[in-house]
C-alpha atoms as a PDB file:
ATOM      1  CA  MET A   1     -16.741 -97.628 210.992  1.00  0.00           C
ATOM      2  CA  THR A   2     -18.533 -96.662 214.206  1.00  0.00           C
ATOM      3  CA  PRO A   3     -20.404 -99.526 215.921  1.00  0.00           C
ATOM      4  CA  LYS A   4     -24.175 -99.028 216.030  1.00  0.00           C
ATOM      5  CA  ILE A   5     -26.178 -99.856 219.147  1.00  0.00           C
ATOM      6  CA  LEU A   6     -29.945-100.008 219.522  1.00  0.00           C
ATOM      7  CA  VAL A   7     -31.240 -99.259 223.034  1.00  0.00           C
ATOM      8  CA  ILE A   8     -34.833-100.301 223.789  1.00  0.00           C
ATOM      9  CA  GLU A   9     -35.964 -99.033 227.196  1.00  0.00           C
ATOM     10  CA  ASP A  10     -39.368 -97.658 228.209  1.00  0.00           C
ATOM     11  CA  LEU A  11     -38.204 -95.633 231.220  1.00  0.00           C
ATOM     12  CA  GLU A  12     -37.120 -92.327 229.709  1.00  0.00           C
ATOM     13  CA  HIS A  13     -34.491 -91.426 232.313  1.00  0.00           C
ATOM     14  CA  ILE A  14     -32.786 -94.823 232.017  1.00  0.00           C
ATOM     15  CA  ASN A  15     -32.969 -94.717 228.221  1.00  0.00           C
ATOM     16  CA  LYS A  16     -31.332 -91.279 228.171  1.00  0.00           C
ATOM     17  CA  LEU A  17     -28.657 -92.347 230.666  1.00  0.00           C
ATOM     18  CA  ILE A  18     -27.664 -95.441 228.669  1.00  0.00           C
ATOM     19  CA  CYS A  19     -27.704 -93.574 225.353  1.00  0.00           C
ATOM     20  CA  SER A  20     -25.685 -90.660 226.726  1.00  0.00           C
ATOM     21  CA  TYR A  21     -23.031 -92.968 228.136  1.00  0.00           C
ATOM     22  CA  LEU A  22     -22.727 -94.945 224.897  1.00  0.00           C
ATOM     23  CA  GLN A  23     -22.585 -91.800 222.745  1.00  0.00           C
ATOM     24  CA  ASN A  24     -19.843 -90.384 224.974  1.00  0.00           C
ATOM     25  CA  GLU A  25     -17.902 -93.619 224.394  1.00  0.00           C
ATOM     26  CA  GLY A  26     -18.127 -93.018 220.643  1.00  0.00           C
ATOM     27  CA  TYR A  27     -20.940 -95.352 219.586  1.00  0.00           C
ATOM     28  CA  GLU A  28     -23.711 -94.465 217.154  1.00  0.00           C
ATOM     29  CA  VAL A  29     -26.857 -94.979 219.229  1.00  0.00           C
ATOM     30  CA  TYR A  30     -30.467 -95.513 218.178  1.00  0.00           C
ATOM     31  CA  SER A  31     -33.146 -95.312 220.842  1.00  0.00           C
ATOM     32  CA  ALA A  32     -36.645 -96.742 221.195  1.00  0.00           C
ATOM     33  CA  ALA A  33     -39.189 -96.253 223.987  1.00  0.00           C
ATOM     34  CA  ASN A  34     -40.939 -99.620 223.606  1.00  0.00           C
ATOM     35  CA  GLY A  35     -40.589-102.985 221.922  1.00  0.00           C
ATOM     36  CA  LYS A  36     -42.747-102.150 218.914  1.00  0.00           C
ATOM     37  CA  GLU A  37     -40.738 -99.018 218.156  1.00  0.00           C
ATOM     38  CA  GLY A  38     -37.517-100.969 218.732  1.00  0.00           C
ATOM     39  CA  LEU A  39     -38.492-103.632 216.203  1.00  0.00           C
ATOM     40  CA  LYS A  40     -39.196-100.939 213.604  1.00  0.00           C
ATOM     41  CA  LEU A  41     -35.727 -99.453 214.131  1.00  0.00           C
ATOM     42  CA  PHE A  42     -34.141-102.903 214.135  1.00  0.00           C
ATOM     43  CA  ASN A  43     -35.678-103.694 210.754  1.00  0.00           C
ATOM     44  CA  LYS A  44     -34.791-100.272 209.327  1.00  0.00           C
ATOM     45  CA  HIS A  45     -31.083-100.165 210.289  1.00  0.00           C
ATOM     46  CA  THR A  46     -28.214-102.581 210.794  1.00  0.00           C
ATOM     47  CA  HIS A  47     -27.000-102.773 214.407  1.00  0.00           C
ATOM     48  CA  ASP A  48     -23.964-104.344 216.012  1.00  0.00           C
ATOM     49  CA  LEU A  49     -25.652-104.692 219.404  1.00  0.00           C
ATOM     50  CA  VAL A  50     -29.167-104.454 220.844  1.00  0.00           C
ATOM     51  CA  ILE A  51     -29.703-103.622 224.514  1.00  0.00           C
ATOM     52  CA  THR A  52     -33.296-104.197 225.581  1.00  0.00           C
ATOM     53  CA  ASP A  53     -35.360-104.038 228.722  1.00  0.00           C
ATOM     54  CA  VAL A  54     -37.521-107.085 229.436  1.00  0.00           C
ATOM     55  CA  VAL A  55     -40.673-105.493 230.901  1.00  0.00           C
ATOM     56  CA  MET A  56     -42.050-102.988 228.377  1.00  0.00           C
ATOM     57  CA  PRO A  57     -45.347-102.054 226.752  1.00  0.00           C
ATOM     58  CA  GLU A  58     -46.224-102.957 223.157  1.00  0.00           C
ATOM     59  CA  ALA A  59     -43.722-105.856 222.922  1.00  0.00           C
ATOM     60  CA  ASN A  60     -41.584-107.067 225.823  1.00  0.00           C
ATOM     61  CA  GLY A  61     -37.875-107.837 225.581  1.00  0.00           C
ATOM     62  CA  TYR A  62     -38.451-111.551 225.029  1.00  0.00           C
ATOM     63  CA  GLU A  63     -40.764-110.839 222.107  1.00  0.00           C
ATOM     64  CA  VAL A  64     -38.203-108.446 220.657  1.00  0.00           C
ATOM     65  CA  CYS A  65     -35.477-111.119 220.861  1.00  0.00           C
ATOM     66  CA  ARG A  66     -37.711-113.772 219.279  1.00  0.00           C
ATOM     67  CA  GLN A  67     -38.490-111.551 216.321  1.00  0.00           C
END
């Protein structure tokens, strides 16, 4: 079973860079552009790891971790 990783990062170029690297390493990657979107994906799918930025619109990384 392929590990699933959720990447939550509001800066598009960084988000794409992280996701591209992880996909090339063989992970199944889900991507969100802000905390609110990330929480929706988190609740919709099961993930093995969440990588989140701290400073983001909608919900910051600390709020994402609390929820």
